Amino acid sequence: YHLPIAVTELHNGSTRDEQLRWLVDGWKAAQAAKDSGADVRAVTAWS
């Protein structure tokens, strides 16, 4: 689509360590996609 993107739900119903790892992994993935040229605006901590 070549339209701006935001990750609008990122949540992991798990133990606290896995919840935090999932959030940070998602942030890093979004940042990597942004660095490679995608117009990624945000990551949303859901729930």
All heavy atoms as atom14 arrays in JSON, in Angstrom:
{
  "sequence": "YHLPIAVTELHNGSTRDEQLRWLVDGWKAAQAAKDSGADVRAVTAWS",
  "atom14_mask": [
    [1, 1, 1, 1, 1, 1, 1, 1, 1, 1, 1, 1, 0, 0],
    [1, 1, 1, 1, 1, 1, 1, 1, 1, 1, 0, 0, 0, 0],
    [1, 1, 1, 1, 1, 1, 1, 1, 0, 0, 0, 0, 0, 0],
    [1, 1, 1, 1, 1, 1, 1, 0, 0, 0, 0, 0, 0, 0],
    [1, 1, 1, 1, 1, 1, 1, 1, 0, 0, 0, 0, 0, 0],
    [1, 1, 1, 1, 1, 0, 0, 0, 0, 0, 0, 0, 0, 0],
    [1, 1, 1, 1, 1, 1, 1, 0, 0, 0, 0, 0, 0, 0],
    [1, 1, 1, 1, 1, 1, 1, 0, 0, 0, 0, 0, 0, 0],
    [1, 1, 1, 1, 1, 1, 1, 1, 1, 0, 0, 0, 0, 0],
    [1, 1, 1, 1, 1, 1, 1, 1, 0, 0, 0, 0, 0, 0],
    [1, 1, 1, 1, 1, 1, 1, 1, 1, 1, 0, 0, 0, 0],
    [1, 1, 1, 1, 1, 1, 1, 1, 0, 0, 0, 0, 0, 0],
    [1, 1, 1, 1, 0, 0, 0, 0, 0, 0, 0, 0, 0, 0],
    [1, 1, 1, 1, 1, 1, 0, 0, 0, 0, 0, 0, 0, 0],
    [1, 1, 1, 1, 1, 1, 1, 0, 0, 0, 0, 0, 0, 0],
    [1, 1, 1, 1, 1, 1, 1, 1, 1, 1, 1, 0, 0, 0],
    [1, 1, 1, 1, 1, 1, 1, 1, 0, 0, 0, 0, 0, 0],
    [1, 1, 1, 1, 1, 1, 1, 1, 1, 0, 0, 0, 0, 0],
    [1, 1, 1, 1, 1, 1, 1, 1, 1, 0, 0, 0, 0, 0],
    [1, 1, 1, 1, 1, 1, 1, 1, 0, 0, 0, 0, 0, 0],
    [1, 1, 1, 1, 1, 1, 1, 1, 1, 1, 1, 0, 0, 0],
    [1, 1, 1, 1, 1, 1, 1, 1, 1, 1, 1, 1, 1, 1],
    [1, 1, 1, 1, 1, 1, 1, 1, 0, 0, 0, 0, 0, 0],
    [1, 1, 1, 1, 1, 1, 1, 0, 0, 0, 0, 0, 0, 0],
    [1, 1, 1, 1, 1, 1, 1, 1, 0, 0, 0, 0, 0, 0],
    [1, 1, 1, 1, 0, 0, 0, 0, 0, 0, 0, 0, 0, 0],
    [1, 1, 1, 1, 1, 1, 1, 1, 1, 1, 1, 1, 1, 1],
    [1, 1, 1, 1, 1, 1, 1, 1, 1, 0, 0, 0, 0, 0],
    [1, 1, 1, 1, 1, 0, 0, 0, 0, 0, 0, 0, 0, 0],
    [1, 1, 1, 1, 1, 0, 0, 0, 0, 0, 0, 0, 0, 0],
    [1, 1, 1, 1, 1, 1, 1, 1, 1, 0, 0, 0, 0, 0],
    [1, 1, 1, 1, 1, 0, 0, 0, 0, 0, 0, 0, 0, 0],
    [1, 1, 1, 1, 1, 0, 0, 0, 0, 0, 0, 0, 0, 0],
    [1, 1, 1, 1, 1, 1, 1, 1, 1, 0, 0, 0, 0, 0],
    [1, 1, 1, 1, 1, 1, 1, 1, 0, 0, 0, 0, 0, 0],
    [1, 1, 1, 1, 1, 1, 0, 0, 0, 0, 0, 0, 0, 0],
    [1, 1, 1, 1, 0, 0, 0, 0, 0, 0, 0, 0, 0, 0],
    [1, 1, 1, 1, 1, 0, 0, 0, 0, 0, 0, 0, 0, 0],
    [1, 1, 1, 1, 1, 1, 1, 1, 0, 0, 0, 0, 0, 0],
    [1, 1, 1, 1, 1, 1, 1, 0, 0, 0, 0, 0, 0, 0],
    [1, 1, 1, 1, 1, 1, 1, 1, 1, 1, 1, 0, 0, 0],
    [1, 1, 1, 1, 1, 0, 0, 0, 0, 0, 0, 0, 0, 0],
    [1, 1, 1, 1, 1, 1, 1, 0, 0, 0, 0, 0, 0, 0],
    [1, 1, 1, 1, 1, 1, 1, 0, 0, 0, 0, 0, 0, 0],
    [1, 1, 1, 1, 1, 0, 0, 0, 0, 0, 0, 0, 0, 0],
    [1, 1, 1, 1, 1, 1, 1, 1, 1, 1, 1, 1, 1, 1],
    [1, 1, 1, 1, 1, 1, 0, 0, 0, 0, 0, 0, 0, 0]
  ],
  "atom14_positions": [
    [[0.8, -1.24, 0.0], [0.0, 0.0, 0.0], [0.83, 1.29, 0.0], [0.32, 2.33, -0.41], [-0.94, 0.02, 1.21], [-1.94, -1.1, 1.2], [-1.79, -2.2, 2.04], [-3.05, -1.07, 0.36], [-2.7, -3.24, 2.05], [-3.97, -2.11, 0.35], [-3.79, -3.19, 1.21], [-4.7, -4.23, 1.2], [0.0, 0.0, 0.0], [0.0, 0.0, 0.0]],
    [[2.04, 1.25, 0.51], [2.87, 2.45, 0.65], [2.11, 3.58, 1.35], [2.11, 4.74, 0.92], [3.4, 2.92, -0.71], [4.51, 2.06, -1.22], [5.82, 2.18, -0.81], [4.49, 1.02, -2.1], [6.57, 1.28, -1.42], [5.77, 0.55, -2.19], [0.0, 0.0, 0.0], [0.0, 0.0, 0.0], [0.0, 0.0, 0.0], [0.0, 0.0, 0.0]],
    [[1.43, 3.2, 2.43], [0.74, 4.16, 3.29], [1.36, 4.13, 4.68], [1.94, 3.1, 5.09], [-0.75, 3.81, 3.38], [-1.57, 3.99, 2.1], [-2.97, 3.39, 2.27], [-1.67, 5.47, 1.72], [0.0, 0.0, 0.0], [0.0, 0.0, 0.0], [0.0, 0.0, 0.0], [0.0, 0.0, 0.0], [0.0, 0.0, 0.0], [0.0, 0.0, 0.0]],
    [[1.27, 5.22, 5.43], [1.83, 5.23, 6.8], [1.25, 4.09, 7.63], [0.07, 3.72, 7.49], [1.4, 6.59, 7.35], [1.25, 7.44, 6.13], [0.72, 6.54, 5.06], [0.0, 0.0, 0.0], [0.0, 0.0, 0.0], [0.0, 0.0, 0.0], [0.0, 0.0, 0.0], [0.0, 0.0, 0.0], [0.0, 0.0, 0.0], [0.0, 0.0, 0.0]],
    [[2.08, 3.55, 8.52], [1.72, 2.38, 9.31], [1.96, 2.67, 10.78], [2.93, 3.34, 11.16], [2.58, 1.16, 8.9], [2.31, 0.77, 7.44], [2.33, -0.04, 9.82], [3.34, -0.2, 6.87], [0.0, 0.0, 0.0], [0.0, 0.0, 0.0], [0.0, 0.0, 0.0], [0.0, 0.0, 0.0], [0.0, 0.0, 0.0], [0.0, 0.0, 0.0]],
    [[1.06, 2.18, 11.62], [1.29, 2.13, 13.06], [0.95, 0.73, 13.54], [-0.01, 0.12, 13.06], [0.43, 3.15, 13.79], [0.0, 0.0, 0.0], [0.0, 0.0, 0.0], [0.0, 0.0, 0.0], [0.0, 0.0, 0.0], [0.0, 0.0, 0.0], [0.0, 0.0, 0.0], [0.0, 0.0, 0.0], [0.0, 0.0, 0.0], [0.0, 0.0, 0.0]],
    [[1.75, 0.2, 14.43], [1.38, -1.05, 15.09], [0.36, -0.65, 16.16], [0.71, 0.04, 17.12], [2.61, -1.74, 15.73], [2.18, -3.04, 16.42], [3.66, -2.02, 14.66], [0.0, 0.0, 0.0], [0.0, 0.0, 0.0], [0.0, 0.0, 0.0], [0.0, 0.0, 0.0], [0.0, 0.0, 0.0], [0.0, 0.0, 0.0], [0.0, 0.0, 0.0]],
    [[-0.9, -1.04, 15.97], [-1.97, -0.51, 16.8], [-2.42, -1.45, 17.92], [-3.24, -1.05, 18.76], [-3.17, -0.1, 15.94], [-3.35, -1.07, 14.89], [-2.93, 1.25, 15.3], [0.0, 0.0, 0.0], [0.0, 0.0, 0.0], [0.0, 0.0, 0.0], [0.0, 0.0, 0.0], [0.0, 0.0, 0.0], [0.0, 0.0, 0.0], [0.0, 0.0, 0.0]],
    [[-1.93, -2.68, 17.93], [-2.14, -3.56, 19.08], [-0.92, -4.46, 19.21], [-0.56, -5.17, 18.27], [-3.4, -4.43, 18.92], [-4.69, -3.68, 19.07], [-5.93, -4.58, 19.01], [-5.78, -5.8, 19.26], [-7.01, -4.07, 18.7], [0.0, 0.0, 0.0], [0.0, 0.0, 0.0], [0.0, 0.0, 0.0], [0.0, 0.0, 0.0], [0.0, 0.0, 0.0]],
    [[-0.3, -4.41, 20.39], [0.81, -5.3, 20.71], [0.62, -5.73, 22.16], [0.71, -4.91, 23.08], [2.15, -4.57, 20.53], [3.39, -5.44, 20.38], [3.35, -6.24, 19.09], [4.66, -4.6, 20.42], [0.0, 0.0, 0.0], [0.0, 0.0, 0.0], [0.0, 0.0, 0.0], [0.0, 0.0, 0.0], [0.0, 0.0, 0.0], [0.0, 0.0, 0.0]],
    [[0.3, -6.99, 22.34], [0.01, -7.5, 23.68], [0.32, -8.99, 23.71], [0.12, -9.69, 22.71], [-1.45, -7.26, 24.04], [-1.91, -7.93, 25.31], [-1.52, -7.49, 26.56], [-2.7, -9.02, 25.52], [-2.07, -8.27, 27.48], [-2.78, -9.21, 26.87], [0.0, 0.0, 0.0], [0.0, 0.0, 0.0], [0.0, 0.0, 0.0], [0.0, 0.0, 0.0]],
    [[0.78, -9.47, 24.85], [1.06, -10.89, 25.03], [0.52, -11.3, 26.39], [1.03, -10.87, 27.43], [2.56, -11.15, 24.94], [2.92, -12.62, 25.1], [2.04, -13.49, 25.04], [4.19, -12.91, 25.28], [0.0, 0.0, 0.0], [0.0, 0.0, 0.0], [0.0, 0.0, 0.0], [0.0, 0.0, 0.0], [0.0, 0.0, 0.0], [0.0, 0.0, 0.0]],
    [[-0.53, -12.11, 26.38], [-1.11, -12.58, 27.64], [-0.27, -13.7, 28.21], [-0.55, -14.87, 27.97], [0.0, 0.0, 0.0], [0.0, 0.0, 0.0], [0.0, 0.0, 0.0], [0.0, 0.0, 0.0], [0.0, 0.0, 0.0], [0.0, 0.0, 0.0], [0.0, 0.0, 0.0], [0.0, 0.0, 0.0], [0.0, 0.0, 0.0], [0.0, 0.0, 0.0]],
    [[0.75, -13.36, 28.98], [1.71, -14.37, 29.46], [2.31, -13.91, 30.77], [1.78, -13.03, 31.44], [2.79, -14.57, 28.39], [3.66, -15.62, 28.74], [0.0, 0.0, 0.0], [0.0, 0.0, 0.0], [0.0, 0.0, 0.0], [0.0, 0.0, 0.0], [0.0, 0.0, 0.0], [0.0, 0.0, 0.0], [0.0, 0.0, 0.0], [0.0, 0.0, 0.0]],
    [[3.41, -14.56, 31.14], [4.13, -14.14, 32.34], [4.79, -12.79, 32.07], [4.96, -12.36, 30.92], [5.19, -15.18, 32.71], [6.04, -15.41, 31.58], [4.55, -16.49, 33.12], [0.0, 0.0, 0.0], [0.0, 0.0, 0.0], [0.0, 0.0, 0.0], [0.0, 0.0, 0.0], [0.0, 0.0, 0.0], [0.0, 0.0, 0.0], [0.0, 0.0, 0.0]],
    [[5.17, -12.11, 33.14], [5.62, -10.73, 33.0], [6.87, -10.61, 32.13], [7.0, -9.67, 31.34], [5.89, -10.11, 34.37], [6.01, -8.61, 34.29], [4.65, -7.92, 34.15], [3.94, -8.02, 35.41], [2.79, -8.69, 35.57], [2.22, -9.3, 34.55], [2.2, -8.74, 36.75], [0.0, 0.0, 0.0], [0.0, 0.0, 0.0], [0.0, 0.0, 0.0]],
    [[7.8, -11.53, 32.28], [9.02, -11.48, 31.48], [8.7, -11.55, 30.0], [9.25, -10.79, 29.19], [9.96, -12.62, 31.88], [9.21, -13.91, 32.17], [8.45, -13.94, 33.15], [9.35, -14.88, 31.4], [0.0, 0.0, 0.0], [0.0, 0.0, 0.0], [0.0, 0.0, 0.0], [0.0, 0.0, 0.0], [0.0, 0.0, 0.0], [0.0, 0.0, 0.0]],
    [[7.78, -12.46, 29.62], [7.43, -12.62, 28.22], [6.63, -11.43, 27.71], [6.73, -11.04, 26.54], [6.65, -13.92, 28.0], [7.4, -15.18, 28.42], [8.6, -15.5, 27.53], [9.3, -14.57, 27.09], [8.85, -16.7, 27.29], [0.0, 0.0, 0.0], [0.0, 0.0, 0.0], [0.0, 0.0, 0.0], [0.0, 0.0, 0.0], [0.0, 0.0, 0.0]],
    [[5.83, -10.82, 28.56], [5.11, -9.62, 28.16], [6.07, -8.49, 27.81], [5.91, -7.8, 26.79], [4.17, -9.17, 29.27], [2.95, -10.06, 29.47], [1.97, -9.47, 30.46], [2.36, -9.1, 31.57], [0.71, -9.37, 30.08], [0.0, 0.0, 0.0], [0.0, 0.0, 0.0], [0.0, 0.0, 0.0], [0.0, 0.0, 0.0], [0.0, 0.0, 0.0]],
    [[7.07, -8.3, 28.65], [8.02, -7.22, 28.42], [8.89, -7.52, 27.2], [9.17, -6.62, 26.39], [8.88, -7.02, 29.67], [9.81, -5.8, 29.68], [9.02, -4.51, 29.46], [10.59, -5.72, 30.99], [0.0, 0.0, 0.0], [0.0, 0.0, 0.0], [0.0, 0.0, 0.0], [0.0, 0.0, 0.0], [0.0, 0.0, 0.0], [0.0, 0.0, 0.0]],
    [[9.31, -8.76, 27.06], [10.1, -9.13, 25.88], [9.32, -8.92, 24.59], [9.86, -8.48, 23.58], [10.54, -10.59, 25.99], [11.6, -10.84, 27.06], [11.71, -12.31, 27.38], [12.74, -12.59, 28.39], [12.76, -13.69, 29.15], [11.81, -14.61, 29.0], [13.71, -13.87, 30.03], [0.0, 0.0, 0.0], [0.0, 0.0, 0.0], [0.0, 0.0, 0.0]],
    [[8.02, -9.25, 24.61], [7.19, -9.09, 23.42], [7.05, -7.62, 23.04], [7.13, -7.26, 21.86], [5.81, -9.71, 23.68], [4.88, -9.67, 22.51], [3.72, -8.98, 22.42], [5.02, -10.37, 21.27], [3.11, -9.2, 21.19], [3.9, -10.05, 20.48], [5.98, -11.23, 20.76], [3.72, -10.57, 19.19], [5.81, -11.74, 19.47], [4.69, -11.41, 18.71]],
    [[6.86, -6.76, 24.03], [6.76, -5.33, 23.76], [8.05, -4.81, 23.15], [8.04, -4.1, 22.13], [6.45, -4.57, 25.06], [6.47, -3.04, 24.95], [5.32, -2.54, 24.08], [6.4, -2.4, 26.34], [0.0, 0.0, 0.0], [0.0, 0.0, 0.0], [0.0, 0.0, 0.0], [0.0, 0.0, 0.0], [0.0, 0.0, 0.0], [0.0, 0.0, 0.0]],
    [[9.17, -5.16, 23.74], [10.46, -4.64, 23.26], [10.8, -5.24, 21.9], [11.33, -4.54, 21.02], [11.57, -4.91, 24.3], [12.93, -4.54, 23.75], [11.29, -4.12, 25.58], [0.0, 0.0, 0.0], [0.0, 0.0, 0.0], [0.0, 0.0, 0.0], [0.0, 0.0, 0.0], [0.0, 0.0, 0.0], [0.0, 0.0, 0.0], [0.0, 0.0, 0.0]],
    [[10.51, -6.52, 21.69], [10.72, -7.13, 20.37], [9.91, -6.41, 19.31], [10.38, -6.15, 18.2], [10.33, -8.61, 20.4], [11.49, -9.52, 20.76], [12.5, -9.01, 21.27], [11.39, -10.74, 20.54], [0.0, 0.0, 0.0], [0.0, 0.0, 0.0], [0.0, 0.0, 0.0], [0.0, 0.0, 0.0], [0.0, 0.0, 0.0], [0.0, 0.0, 0.0]],
    [[8.63, -6.09, 19.65], [7.78, -5.38, 18.7], [8.32, -3.99, 18.38], [8.28, -3.55, 17.23], [0.0, 0.0, 0.0], [0.0, 0.0, 0.0], [0.0, 0.0, 0.0], [0.0, 0.0, 0.0], [0.0, 0.0, 0.0], [0.0, 0.0, 0.0], [0.0, 0.0, 0.0], [0.0, 0.0, 0.0], [0.0, 0.0, 0.0], [0.0, 0.0, 0.0]],
    [[8.81, -3.32, 19.4], [9.39, -1.99, 19.2], [10.61, -2.08, 18.27], [10.75, -1.28, 17.33], [9.78, -1.4, 20.54], [10.44, -0.05, 20.47], [11.77, 0.2, 20.37], [9.78, 1.22, 20.46], [12.0, 1.56, 20.32], [10.8, 2.2, 20.37], [8.46, 1.63, 20.53], [10.51, 3.56, 20.35], [8.16, 2.99, 20.51], [9.18, 3.94, 20.42]],
    [[11.46, -3.05, 18.52], [12.67, -3.2, 17.69], [12.31, -3.57, 16.25], [12.94, -3.09, 15.3], [13.59, -4.26, 18.3], [14.25, -3.82, 19.59], [15.14, -4.92, 20.16], [15.85, -4.47, 21.43], [16.69, -5.56, 22.01], [0.0, 0.0, 0.0], [0.0, 0.0, 0.0], [0.0, 0.0, 0.0], [0.0, 0.0, 0.0], [0.0, 0.0, 0.0]],
    [[11.29, -4.42, 16.07], [10.86, -4.79, 14.72], [10.32, -3.58, 13.97], [10.62, -3.38, 12.78], [9.8, -5.89, 14.8], [0.0, 0.0, 0.0], [0.0, 0.0, 0.0], [0.0, 0.0, 0.0], [0.0, 0.0, 0.0], [0.0, 0.0, 0.0], [0.0, 0.0, 0.0], [0.0, 0.0, 0.0], [0.0, 0.0, 0.0], [0.0, 0.0, 0.0]],
    [[9.52, -2.77, 14.65], [8.97, -1.57, 14.02], [10.08, -0.59, 13.67], [10.08, 0.02, 12.6], [7.95, -0.92, 14.95], [0.0, 0.0, 0.0], [0.0, 0.0, 0.0], [0.0, 0.0, 0.0], [0.0, 0.0, 0.0], [0.0, 0.0, 0.0], [0.0, 0.0, 0.0], [0.0, 0.0, 0.0], [0.0, 0.0, 0.0], [0.0, 0.0, 0.0]],
    [[11.06, -0.47, 14.57], [12.17, 0.44, 14.31], [13.0, -0.05, 13.14], [13.45, 0.73, 12.29], [13.04, 0.56, 15.57], [14.13, 1.61, 15.47], [13.59, 3.02, 15.33], [12.9, 3.52, 16.22], [13.88, 3.68, 14.21], [0.0, 0.0, 0.0], [0.0, 0.0, 0.0], [0.0, 0.0, 0.0], [0.0, 0.0, 0.0], [0.0, 0.0, 0.0]],
    [[13.2, -1.39, 13.06], [13.97, -1.95, 11.95], [13.26, -1.72, 10.62], [13.89, -1.41, 9.6], [14.2, -3.45, 12.18], [0.0, 0.0, 0.0], [0.0, 0.0, 0.0], [0.0, 0.0, 0.0], [0.0, 0.0, 0.0], [0.0, 0.0, 0.0], [0.0, 0.0, 0.0], [0.0, 0.0, 0.0], [0.0, 0.0, 0.0], [0.0, 0.0, 0.0]],
    [[11.93, -1.89, 10.62], [11.17, -1.65, 9.4], [11.23, -0.18, 9.0], [11.36, 0.17, 7.82], [9.71, -2.08, 9.59], [0.0, 0.0, 0.0], [0.0, 0.0, 0.0], [0.0, 0.0, 0.0], [0.0, 0.0, 0.0], [0.0, 0.0, 0.0], [0.0, 0.0, 0.0], [0.0, 0.0, 0.0], [0.0, 0.0, 0.0], [0.0, 0.0, 0.0]],
    [[11.17, 0.69, 9.99], [11.28, 2.13, 9.74], [12.65, 2.47, 9.17], [12.77, 3.22, 8.2], [11.03, 2.88, 11.04], [11.01, 4.41, 10.93], [10.71, 5.03, 12.29], [10.72, 6.54, 12.22], [9.58, 7.08, 11.42], [0.0, 0.0, 0.0], [0.0, 0.0, 0.0], [0.0, 0.0, 0.0], [0.0, 0.0, 0.0], [0.0, 0.0, 0.0]],
    [[13.68, 1.89, 9.75], [15.05, 2.14, 9.28], [15.27, 1.64, 7.86], [16.12, 2.18, 7.13], [16.06, 1.48, 10.22], [16.11, 2.14, 11.6], [15.61, 3.27, 11.73], [16.63, 1.5, 12.54], [0.0, 0.0, 0.0], [0.0, 0.0, 0.0], [0.0, 0.0, 0.0], [0.0, 0.0, 0.0], [0.0, 0.0, 0.0], [0.0, 0.0, 0.0]],
    [[14.5, 0.61, 7.45], [14.67, 0.07, 6.11], [13.8, 0.78, 5.07], [13.78, 0.39, 3.91], [14.37, -1.43, 6.1], [13.01, -1.67, 6.4], [0.0, 0.0, 0.0], [0.0, 0.0, 0.0], [0.0, 0.0, 0.0], [0.0, 0.0, 0.0], [0.0, 0.0, 0.0], [0.0, 0.0, 0.0], [0.0, 0.0, 0.0], [0.0, 0.0, 0.0]],
    [[13.06, 1.81, 5.5], [12.35, 2.63, 4.55], [10.84, 2.7, 4.69], [10.19, 3.52, 4.04], [0.0, 0.0, 0.0], [0.0, 0.0, 0.0], [0.0, 0.0, 0.0], [0.0, 0.0, 0.0], [0.0, 0.0, 0.0], [0.0, 0.0, 0.0], [0.0, 0.0, 0.0], [0.0, 0.0, 0.0], [0.0, 0.0, 0.0], [0.0, 0.0, 0.0]],
    [[10.23, 1.84, 5.52], [8.78, 1.9, 5.71], [8.41, 3.09, 6.59], [9.15, 3.44, 7.51], [8.29, 0.6, 6.35], [0.0, 0.0, 0.0], [0.0, 0.0, 0.0], [0.0, 0.0, 0.0], [0.0, 0.0, 0.0], [0.0, 0.0, 0.0], [0.0, 0.0, 0.0], [0.0, 0.0, 0.0], [0.0, 0.0, 0.0], [0.0, 0.0, 0.0]],
    [[7.27, 3.69, 6.3], [6.81, 4.85, 7.07], [6.04, 4.33, 8.29], [4.81, 4.28, 8.29], [5.94, 5.73, 6.2], [5.51, 7.02, 6.91], [5.93, 7.23, 8.07], [4.75, 7.82, 6.31], [0.0, 0.0, 0.0], [0.0, 0.0, 0.0], [0.0, 0.0, 0.0], [0.0, 0.0, 0.0], [0.0, 0.0, 0.0], [0.0, 0.0, 0.0]],
    [[6.77, 3.95, 9.33], [6.17, 3.42, 10.55], [6.14, 4.54, 11.58], [7.17, 5.12, 11.91], [6.95, 2.21, 11.09], [6.24, 1.61, 12.29], [7.13, 1.16, 10.0], [0.0, 0.0, 0.0], [0.0, 0.0, 0.0], [0.0, 0.0, 0.0], [0.0, 0.0, 0.0], [0.0, 0.0, 0.0], [0.0, 0.0, 0.0], [0.0, 0.0, 0.0]],
    [[4.95, 4.82, 12.11], [4.78, 5.97, 13.0], [4.85, 5.61, 14.49], [5.35, 6.4, 15.29], [3.42, 6.64, 12.72], [3.2, 7.06, 11.27], [4.1, 8.21, 10.88], [3.94, 8.6, 9.48], [3.03, 9.46, 9.01], [2.15, 10.0, 9.85], [2.99, 9.78, 7.74], [0.0, 0.0, 0.0], [0.0, 0.0, 0.0], [0.0, 0.0, 0.0]],
    [[4.31, 4.45, 14.86], [4.16, 4.18, 16.29], [3.97, 2.7, 16.56], [3.66, 1.91, 15.67], [2.96, 4.95, 16.84], [0.0, 0.0, 0.0], [0.0, 0.0, 0.0], [0.0, 0.0, 0.0], [0.0, 0.0, 0.0], [0.0, 0.0, 0.0], [0.0, 0.0, 0.0], [0.0, 0.0, 0.0], [0.0, 0.0, 0.0], [0.0, 0.0, 0.0]],
    [[4.16, 2.35, 17.83], [3.84, 1.02, 18.37], [2.89, 1.25, 19.54], [3.14, 2.11, 20.39], [5.1, 0.27, 18.84], [4.73, -0.99, 19.6], [6.0, -0.05, 17.66], [0.0, 0.0, 0.0], [0.0, 0.0, 0.0], [0.0, 0.0, 0.0], [0.0, 0.0, 0.0], [0.0, 0.0, 0.0], [0.0, 0.0, 0.0], [0.0, 0.0, 0.0]],
    [[1.8, 0.49, 19.57], [0.78, 0.69, 20.6], [0.81, -0.42, 21.64], [0.65, -1.6, 21.32], [-0.63, 0.73, 19.95], [-0.65, 1.72, 18.93], [-1.69, 1.02, 21.0], [0.0, 0.0, 0.0], [0.0, 0.0, 0.0], [0.0, 0.0, 0.0], [0.0, 0.0, 0.0], [0.0, 0.0, 0.0], [0.0, 0.0, 0.0], [0.0, 0.0, 0.0]],
    [[1.02, -0.03, 22.88], [0.9, -0.97, 24.0], [-0.59, -1.16, 24.26], [-1.26, -0.25, 24.74], [1.6, -0.42, 25.24], [0.0, 0.0, 0.0], [0.0, 0.0, 0.0], [0.0, 0.0, 0.0], [0.0, 0.0, 0.0], [0.0, 0.0, 0.0], [0.0, 0.0, 0.0], [0.0, 0.0, 0.0], [0.0, 0.0, 0.0], [0.0, 0.0, 0.0]],
    [[-1.1, -2.34, 23.91], [-2.53, -2.59, 23.98], [-2.91, -3.2, 25.32], [-2.04, -3.69, 26.06], [-2.94, -3.51, 22.83], [-4.42, -3.7, 22.69], [-5.13, -4.85, 22.86], [-5.38, -2.69, 22.37], [-6.47, -4.63, 22.66], [-6.66, -3.3, 22.36], [-5.29, -1.32, 22.1], [-7.83, -2.6, 22.08], [-6.46, -0.62, 21.81], [-7.71, -1.27, 21.8]],
    [[-4.18, -3.15, 25.62], [-4.72, -3.74, 26.86], [-3.99, -3.2, 28.08], [-3.5, -3.97, 28.92], [-4.64, -5.27, 26.81], [-5.45, -5.8, 25.79], [0.0, 0.0, 0.0], [0.0, 0.0, 0.0], [0.0, 0.0, 0.0], [0.0, 0.0, 0.0], [0.0, 0.0, 0.0], [0.0, 0.0, 0.0], [0.0, 0.0, 0.0], [0.0, 0.0, 0.0]]
  ]
}
